[in-house]
Amino acid sequence: MDDEGDAWLTYAEAGQRLGVSPEAVRAKAIRRGWRRQQGNDGKARVQLPFDPVDRVVNARSTPVRKSVDPALVHALEGHVASLKTENERLAAALETLKAELAAANARASEESAFRRGAQRDAKG
């Protein structure tokens, strides 16, 4: 234990405490930015974070519910709605561009065929 009371454990010890494999602890430590260091015995150690009631945070435990700011929720819902609208607008624009491209390709094919026919007529 260090001054803050957080435990430094090997990946195997942390895996036992969290109920996961040492490899899962290693990945979780990297993903969540947990402190890691090499021990004097040459084994890698990870510092497990503690929750406010001084229990090790367990990935399988029920998350703590925090109060939600209704104004923030409303703002986020509005932003999501505007993103959905923008997504629909962009999807429609993409379909229009696809149709225009298909038409342009068709015209180019017709012109190419016409030119080939005109070249054959000029030679023959």
N, C-alpha and C. Protein backbone atom coordinates (compact mmCIF):
# COMPACT_ATOMS: atom_id res chain seq x y z
N MET A 1 0.85 -1.18 0.00
CA MET A 1 0.00 0.00 0.00
C MET A 1 0.88 1.23 0.00
N ASP A 2 0.44 2.28 -0.72
CA ASP A 2 1.21 3.51 -0.69
C ASP A 2 0.49 4.52 0.18
N ASP A 3 0.95 5.78 0.15
CA ASP A 3 0.40 6.82 1.01
C ASP A 3 -1.09 7.04 0.78
N GLU A 4 -1.55 6.84 -0.46
CA GLU A 4 -2.95 7.08 -0.78
C GLU A 4 -3.83 5.88 -0.43
N GLY A 5 -3.23 4.77 -0.08
CA GLY A 5 -4.00 3.59 0.30
C GLY A 5 -4.36 2.69 -0.88
N ASP A 6 -3.84 2.98 -2.08
CA ASP A 6 -4.13 2.14 -3.23
C ASP A 6 -3.16 0.97 -3.26
N ALA A 7 -3.65 -0.20 -3.63
CA ALA A 7 -2.84 -1.42 -3.60
C ALA A 7 -2.02 -1.56 -4.88
N TRP A 8 -0.74 -1.95 -4.71
CA TRP A 8 0.12 -2.31 -5.84
C TRP A 8 0.15 -3.83 -5.88
N LEU A 9 -0.38 -4.43 -6.93
CA LEU A 9 -0.48 -5.88 -7.04
C LEU A 9 0.11 -6.34 -8.36
N THR A 10 0.59 -7.58 -8.38
CA THR A 10 0.98 -8.17 -9.65
C THR A 10 -0.29 -8.35 -10.47
N TYR A 11 -0.11 -8.55 -11.76
CA TYR A 11 -1.28 -8.76 -12.61
C TYR A 11 -2.06 -10.00 -12.17
N ALA A 12 -1.36 -11.02 -11.73
CA ALA A 12 -2.03 -12.24 -11.27
C ALA A 12 -2.85 -11.96 -10.01
N GLU A 13 -2.25 -11.23 -9.05
CA GLU A 13 -2.97 -10.89 -7.80
C GLU A 13 -4.18 -10.00 -8.10
N ALA A 14 -3.97 -9.02 -8.98
CA ALA A 14 -5.08 -8.13 -9.35
C ALA A 14 -6.18 -8.91 -10.06
N GLY A 15 -5.78 -9.86 -10.91
CA GLY A 15 -6.76 -10.69 -11.60
C GLY A 15 -7.60 -11.50 -10.63
N GLN A 16 -6.95 -12.06 -9.59
CA GLN A 16 -7.70 -12.80 -8.57
C GLN A 16 -8.68 -11.89 -7.85
N ARG A 17 -8.22 -10.71 -7.49
CA ARG A 17 -9.07 -9.78 -6.75
C ARG A 17 -10.27 -9.32 -7.59
N LEU A 18 -10.03 -9.10 -8.89
CA LEU A 18 -11.10 -8.60 -9.77
C LEU A 18 -11.90 -9.71 -10.43
N GLY A 19 -11.42 -10.94 -10.30
CA GLY A 19 -12.15 -12.06 -10.90
C GLY A 19 -11.96 -12.16 -12.40
N VAL A 20 -10.79 -11.73 -12.90
CA VAL A 20 -10.49 -11.80 -14.32
C VAL A 20 -9.08 -12.34 -14.49
N SER A 21 -8.69 -12.60 -15.73
CA SER A 21 -7.35 -13.13 -15.99
C SER A 21 -6.31 -12.02 -15.86
N PRO A 22 -5.04 -12.40 -15.65
CA PRO A 22 -3.97 -11.39 -15.61
C PRO A 22 -3.90 -10.58 -16.91
N GLU A 23 -4.16 -11.23 -18.05
CA GLU A 23 -4.14 -10.52 -19.32
C GLU A 23 -5.25 -9.47 -19.38
N ALA A 24 -6.41 -9.80 -18.81
CA ALA A 24 -7.51 -8.83 -18.77
C ALA A 24 -7.16 -7.64 -17.89
N VAL A 25 -6.46 -7.90 -16.78
CA VAL A 25 -6.03 -6.80 -15.90
C VAL A 25 -5.04 -5.91 -16.64
N ARG A 26 -4.11 -6.53 -17.38
CA ARG A 26 -3.12 -5.77 -18.13
C ARG A 26 -3.82 -4.87 -19.15
N ALA A 27 -4.77 -5.41 -19.88
CA ALA A 27 -5.49 -4.62 -20.88
C ALA A 27 -6.30 -3.51 -20.22
N LYS A 28 -6.94 -3.84 -19.11
CA LYS A 28 -7.75 -2.85 -18.40
C LYS A 28 -6.87 -1.73 -17.85
N ALA A 29 -5.69 -2.08 -17.35
CA ALA A 29 -4.76 -1.07 -16.82
C ALA A 29 -4.34 -0.10 -17.90
N ILE A 30 -4.07 -0.61 -19.09
CA ILE A 30 -3.68 0.24 -20.20
C ILE A 30 -4.86 1.10 -20.64
N ARG A 31 -6.01 0.47 -20.80
CA ARG A 31 -7.20 1.17 -21.28
C ARG A 31 -7.65 2.28 -20.33
N ARG A 32 -7.58 2.01 -19.03
CA ARG A 32 -8.08 2.97 -18.05
C ARG A 32 -7.00 3.87 -17.46
N GLY A 33 -5.77 3.67 -17.89
CA GLY A 33 -4.69 4.54 -17.44
C GLY A 33 -4.28 4.31 -15.99
N TRP A 34 -4.42 3.07 -15.51
CA TRP A 34 -3.99 2.78 -14.14
C TRP A 34 -2.47 2.86 -14.09
N ARG A 35 -1.94 3.24 -12.94
CA ARG A 35 -0.50 3.33 -12.76
C ARG A 35 0.11 1.93 -12.77
N ARG A 36 1.26 1.81 -13.45
CA ARG A 36 1.95 0.52 -13.54
C ARG A 36 3.42 0.76 -13.29
N GLN A 37 4.09 -0.24 -12.70
CA GLN A 37 5.53 -0.13 -12.49
C GLN A 37 6.13 -1.52 -12.32
N GLN A 38 7.44 -1.57 -12.48
CA GLN A 38 8.17 -2.82 -12.31
C GLN A 38 8.56 -2.94 -10.84
N GLY A 39 8.27 -4.10 -10.22
CA GLY A 39 8.65 -4.32 -8.83
C GLY A 39 10.11 -4.71 -8.72
N ASN A 40 10.65 -4.67 -7.49
CA ASN A 40 12.04 -5.06 -7.26
C ASN A 40 12.28 -6.52 -7.62
N ASP A 41 11.23 -7.33 -7.59
CA ASP A 41 11.36 -8.74 -7.93
C ASP A 41 11.28 -8.98 -9.44
N GLY A 42 11.16 -7.90 -10.21
CA GLY A 42 11.11 -8.01 -11.66
C GLY A 42 9.71 -8.21 -12.21
N LYS A 43 8.71 -8.35 -11.33
CA LYS A 43 7.34 -8.55 -11.79
C LYS A 43 6.65 -7.19 -11.94
N ALA A 44 5.85 -7.09 -13.01
CA ALA A 44 5.09 -5.86 -13.24
C ALA A 44 3.98 -5.78 -12.20
N ARG A 45 3.72 -4.57 -11.72
CA ARG A 45 2.67 -4.35 -10.74
C ARG A 45 1.76 -3.24 -11.26
N VAL A 46 0.50 -3.32 -10.84
CA VAL A 46 -0.49 -2.33 -11.22
C VAL A 46 -1.12 -1.78 -9.95
N GLN A 47 -1.42 -0.49 -9.96
CA GLN A 47 -2.06 0.13 -8.80
C GLN A 47 -3.57 0.18 -9.07
N LEU A 48 -4.31 -0.60 -8.31
CA LEU A 48 -5.76 -0.63 -8.48
C LEU A 48 -6.40 0.59 -7.85
N PRO A 49 -7.32 1.21 -8.55
CA PRO A 49 -8.02 2.36 -7.96
C PRO A 49 -9.05 1.88 -6.94
N PHE A 50 -9.37 2.74 -5.99
CA PHE A 50 -10.38 2.43 -4.99
C PHE A 50 -11.56 3.35 -5.18
N ASP A 51 -12.76 2.86 -4.85
CA ASP A 51 -13.94 3.73 -4.90
C ASP A 51 -14.04 4.49 -3.58
N PRO A 52 -14.98 5.44 -3.46
CA PRO A 52 -15.04 6.29 -2.26
C PRO A 52 -15.22 5.56 -0.94
N VAL A 53 -15.77 4.35 -0.96
CA VAL A 53 -15.93 3.63 0.31
C VAL A 53 -14.77 2.66 0.53
N ASP A 54 -13.64 2.91 -0.15
CA ASP A 54 -12.39 2.19 0.05
C ASP A 54 -12.50 0.71 -0.29
N ARG A 55 -13.19 0.40 -1.37
CA ARG A 55 -13.24 -0.95 -1.90
C ARG A 55 -12.65 -0.92 -3.30
N VAL A 56 -12.00 -1.99 -3.68
CA VAL A 56 -11.42 -2.05 -5.02
C VAL A 56 -12.54 -1.96 -6.04
N VAL A 57 -12.31 -1.15 -7.08
CA VAL A 57 -13.28 -1.03 -8.15
C VAL A 57 -13.29 -2.35 -8.90
N ASN A 58 -14.45 -2.98 -8.98
CA ASN A 58 -14.59 -4.26 -9.67
C ASN A 58 -15.41 -4.03 -10.93
N ALA A 59 -14.87 -4.46 -12.05
CA ALA A 59 -15.55 -4.25 -13.33
C ALA A 59 -16.91 -4.94 -13.35
N ARG A 60 -17.09 -5.96 -12.53
CA ARG A 60 -18.35 -6.70 -12.53
C ARG A 60 -19.36 -6.14 -11.53
N SER A 61 -18.97 -5.17 -10.74
CA SER A 61 -19.89 -4.63 -9.74
C SER A 61 -20.85 -3.65 -10.39
N THR A 62 -21.95 -3.38 -9.70
CA THR A 62 -22.94 -2.44 -10.20
C THR A 62 -22.37 -1.03 -10.13
N PRO A 63 -22.47 -0.26 -11.21
CA PRO A 63 -21.92 1.09 -11.19
C PRO A 63 -22.69 1.98 -10.22
N VAL A 64 -21.98 2.94 -9.67
CA VAL A 64 -22.59 3.89 -8.75
C VAL A 64 -23.40 4.89 -9.56
N ARG A 65 -24.65 5.11 -9.18
CA ARG A 65 -25.50 6.07 -9.87
C ARG A 65 -25.20 7.47 -9.36
N LYS A 66 -24.99 8.37 -10.25
CA LYS A 66 -24.72 9.75 -9.88
C LYS A 66 -25.90 10.60 -10.33
N SER A 67 -26.06 11.75 -9.71
CA SER A 67 -27.17 12.61 -10.10
C SER A 67 -26.92 13.11 -11.52
N VAL A 68 -28.02 13.31 -12.24
CA VAL A 68 -27.95 13.73 -13.62
C VAL A 68 -28.50 15.14 -13.73
N ASP A 69 -27.78 15.99 -14.44
CA ASP A 69 -28.21 17.36 -14.65
C ASP A 69 -29.23 17.38 -15.80
N PRO A 70 -30.50 17.69 -15.51
CA PRO A 70 -31.53 17.68 -16.55
C PRO A 70 -31.21 18.64 -17.71
N ALA A 71 -30.60 19.77 -17.40
CA ALA A 71 -30.27 20.72 -18.46
C ALA A 71 -29.23 20.12 -19.41
N LEU A 72 -28.27 19.39 -18.85
CA LEU A 72 -27.26 18.74 -19.68
C LEU A 72 -27.90 17.66 -20.55
N VAL A 73 -28.78 16.88 -19.95
CA VAL A 73 -29.47 15.83 -20.71
C VAL A 73 -30.25 16.46 -21.86
N HIS A 74 -30.98 17.55 -21.57
CA HIS A 74 -31.76 18.23 -22.60
C HIS A 74 -30.85 18.76 -23.72
N ALA A 75 -29.73 19.35 -23.33
CA ALA A 75 -28.80 19.87 -24.33
C ALA A 75 -28.24 18.74 -25.19
N LEU A 76 -27.90 17.63 -24.56
CA LEU A 76 -27.37 16.50 -25.32
C LEU A 76 -28.41 15.90 -26.25
N GLU A 77 -29.65 15.81 -25.77
CA GLU A 77 -30.73 15.30 -26.62
C GLU A 77 -30.93 16.20 -27.84
N GLY A 78 -30.85 17.52 -27.61
CA GLY A 78 -30.96 18.46 -28.73
C GLY A 78 -29.83 18.30 -29.71
N HIS A 79 -28.64 18.09 -29.19
CA HIS A 79 -27.48 17.89 -30.07
C HIS A 79 -27.62 16.60 -30.86
N VAL A 80 -28.08 15.54 -30.22
CA VAL A 80 -28.29 14.27 -30.92
C VAL A 80 -29.32 14.46 -32.03
N ALA A 81 -30.40 15.19 -31.74
CA ALA A 81 -31.42 15.43 -32.76
C ALA A 81 -30.83 16.21 -33.94
N SER A 82 -30.00 17.21 -33.66
CA SER A 82 -29.40 17.98 -34.76
C SER A 82 -28.43 17.12 -35.56
N LEU A 83 -27.72 16.22 -34.89
CA LEU A 83 -26.82 15.32 -35.60
C LEU A 83 -27.60 14.35 -36.48
N LYS A 84 -28.74 13.87 -36.00
CA LYS A 84 -29.57 12.98 -36.81
C LYS A 84 -30.08 13.70 -38.05
N THR A 85 -30.51 14.95 -37.87
CA THR A 85 -30.99 15.75 -39.00
C THR A 85 -29.88 15.96 -40.01
N GLU A 86 -28.70 16.31 -39.53
CA GLU A 86 -27.55 16.52 -40.41
C GLU A 86 -27.19 15.22 -41.14
N ASN A 87 -27.26 14.11 -40.44
CA ASN A 87 -26.96 12.81 -41.04
C ASN A 87 -27.96 12.50 -42.16
N GLU A 88 -29.24 12.78 -41.92
CA GLU A 88 -30.26 12.55 -42.96
C GLU A 88 -30.01 13.45 -44.17
N ARG A 89 -29.64 14.72 -43.92
CA ARG A 89 -29.36 15.65 -45.01
C ARG A 89 -28.18 15.17 -45.84
N LEU A 90 -27.14 14.72 -45.15
CA LEU A 90 -25.95 14.23 -45.86
C LEU A 90 -26.25 12.94 -46.63
N ALA A 91 -27.07 12.07 -46.07
CA ALA A 91 -27.45 10.83 -46.76
C ALA A 91 -28.22 11.16 -48.04
N ALA A 92 -29.14 12.14 -47.97
CA ALA A 92 -29.90 12.55 -49.15
C ALA A 92 -28.96 13.16 -50.20
N ALA A 93 -28.01 13.99 -49.76
CA ALA A 93 -27.05 14.59 -50.68
C ALA A 93 -26.20 13.51 -51.34
N LEU A 94 -25.82 12.51 -50.58
CA LEU A 94 -25.04 11.41 -51.14
C LEU A 94 -25.83 10.67 -52.21
N GLU A 95 -27.10 10.40 -51.96
CA GLU A 95 -27.93 9.71 -52.95
C GLU A 95 -28.05 10.55 -54.22
N THR A 96 -28.20 11.87 -54.07
CA THR A 96 -28.27 12.75 -55.23
C THR A 96 -26.97 12.68 -56.03
N LEU A 97 -25.85 12.73 -55.33
CA LEU A 97 -24.55 12.65 -56.01
C LEU A 97 -24.35 11.31 -56.71
N LYS A 98 -24.82 10.24 -56.08
CA LYS A 98 -24.72 8.91 -56.73
C LYS A 98 -25.54 8.89 -58.02
N ALA A 99 -26.74 9.47 -57.98
CA ALA A 99 -27.58 9.49 -59.18
C ALA A 99 -26.94 10.34 -60.27
N GLU A 100 -26.38 11.50 -59.88
CA GLU A 100 -25.71 12.35 -60.86
C GLU A 100 -24.50 11.66 -61.47
N LEU A 101 -23.76 10.93 -60.65
CA LEU A 101 -22.59 10.21 -61.15
C LEU A 101 -23.01 9.10 -62.12
N ALA A 102 -24.06 8.40 -61.78
CA ALA A 102 -24.55 7.33 -62.66
C ALA A 102 -24.99 7.92 -64.00
N ALA A 103 -25.67 9.05 -63.95
CA ALA A 103 -26.11 9.70 -65.19
C ALA A 103 -24.91 10.16 -66.01
N ALA A 104 -23.91 10.74 -65.36
CA ALA A 104 -22.72 11.20 -66.06
C ALA A 104 -21.97 10.03 -66.68
N ASN A 105 -21.89 8.92 -65.96
CA ASN A 105 -21.23 7.73 -66.50
C ASN A 105 -21.99 7.20 -67.71
N ALA A 106 -23.31 7.23 -67.64
CA ALA A 106 -24.12 6.76 -68.77
C ALA A 106 -23.89 7.66 -69.99
N ARG A 107 -23.87 8.99 -69.77
CA ARG A 107 -23.62 9.91 -70.89
C ARG A 107 -22.22 9.67 -71.48
N ALA A 108 -21.24 9.47 -70.61
CA ALA A 108 -19.87 9.24 -71.09
C ALA A 108 -19.80 7.96 -71.90
N SER A 109 -20.50 6.93 -71.48
CA SER A 109 -20.51 5.67 -72.23
C SER A 109 -21.16 5.85 -73.59
N GLU A 110 -22.28 6.62 -73.62
CA GLU A 110 -22.95 6.87 -74.90
C GLU A 110 -22.06 7.67 -75.84
N GLU A 111 -21.39 8.70 -75.30
CA GLU A 111 -20.50 9.51 -76.14
C GLU A 111 -19.34 8.68 -76.66
N SER A 112 -18.80 7.82 -75.83
CA SER A 112 -17.69 6.97 -76.24
C SER A 112 -18.13 6.02 -77.35
N ALA A 113 -19.32 5.46 -77.19
CA ALA A 113 -19.84 4.55 -78.22
C ALA A 113 -20.08 5.31 -79.52
N PHE A 114 -20.60 6.53 -79.40
CA PHE A 114 -20.85 7.36 -80.59
C PHE A 114 -19.54 7.66 -81.30
N ARG A 115 -18.51 8.02 -80.53
CA ARG A 115 -17.21 8.33 -81.14
C ARG A 115 -16.61 7.11 -81.85
N ARG A 116 -16.73 5.95 -81.19
CA ARG A 116 -16.21 4.73 -81.82
C ARG A 116 -16.94 4.46 -83.13
N GLY A 117 -18.25 4.68 -83.13
CA GLY A 117 -19.03 4.48 -84.36
C GLY A 117 -18.65 5.47 -85.42
N ALA A 118 -18.44 6.72 -85.05
CA ALA A 118 -18.06 7.75 -86.01
C ALA A 118 -16.68 7.45 -86.58
N GLN A 119 -15.76 6.95 -85.77
CA GLN A 119 -14.42 6.63 -86.24
C GLN A 119 -14.47 5.47 -87.26
N ARG A 120 -15.35 4.48 -86.96
CA ARG A 120 -15.48 3.36 -87.88
C ARG A 120 -16.05 3.83 -89.22
N ASP A 121 -17.04 4.72 -89.13
CA ASP A 121 -17.66 5.23 -90.37
C ASP A 121 -16.64 6.01 -91.19
N ALA A 122 -15.76 6.77 -90.53
CA ALA A 122 -14.77 7.57 -91.24
C ALA A 122 -13.72 6.69 -91.91
N LYS A 123 -13.40 5.55 -91.34
CA LYS A 123 -12.39 4.65 -91.90
C LYS A 123 -12.97 3.83 -93.06
N GLY A 124 -14.26 3.50 -92.94
CA GLY A 124 -14.86 2.56 -93.87
C GLY A 124 -15.46 3.14 -95.05
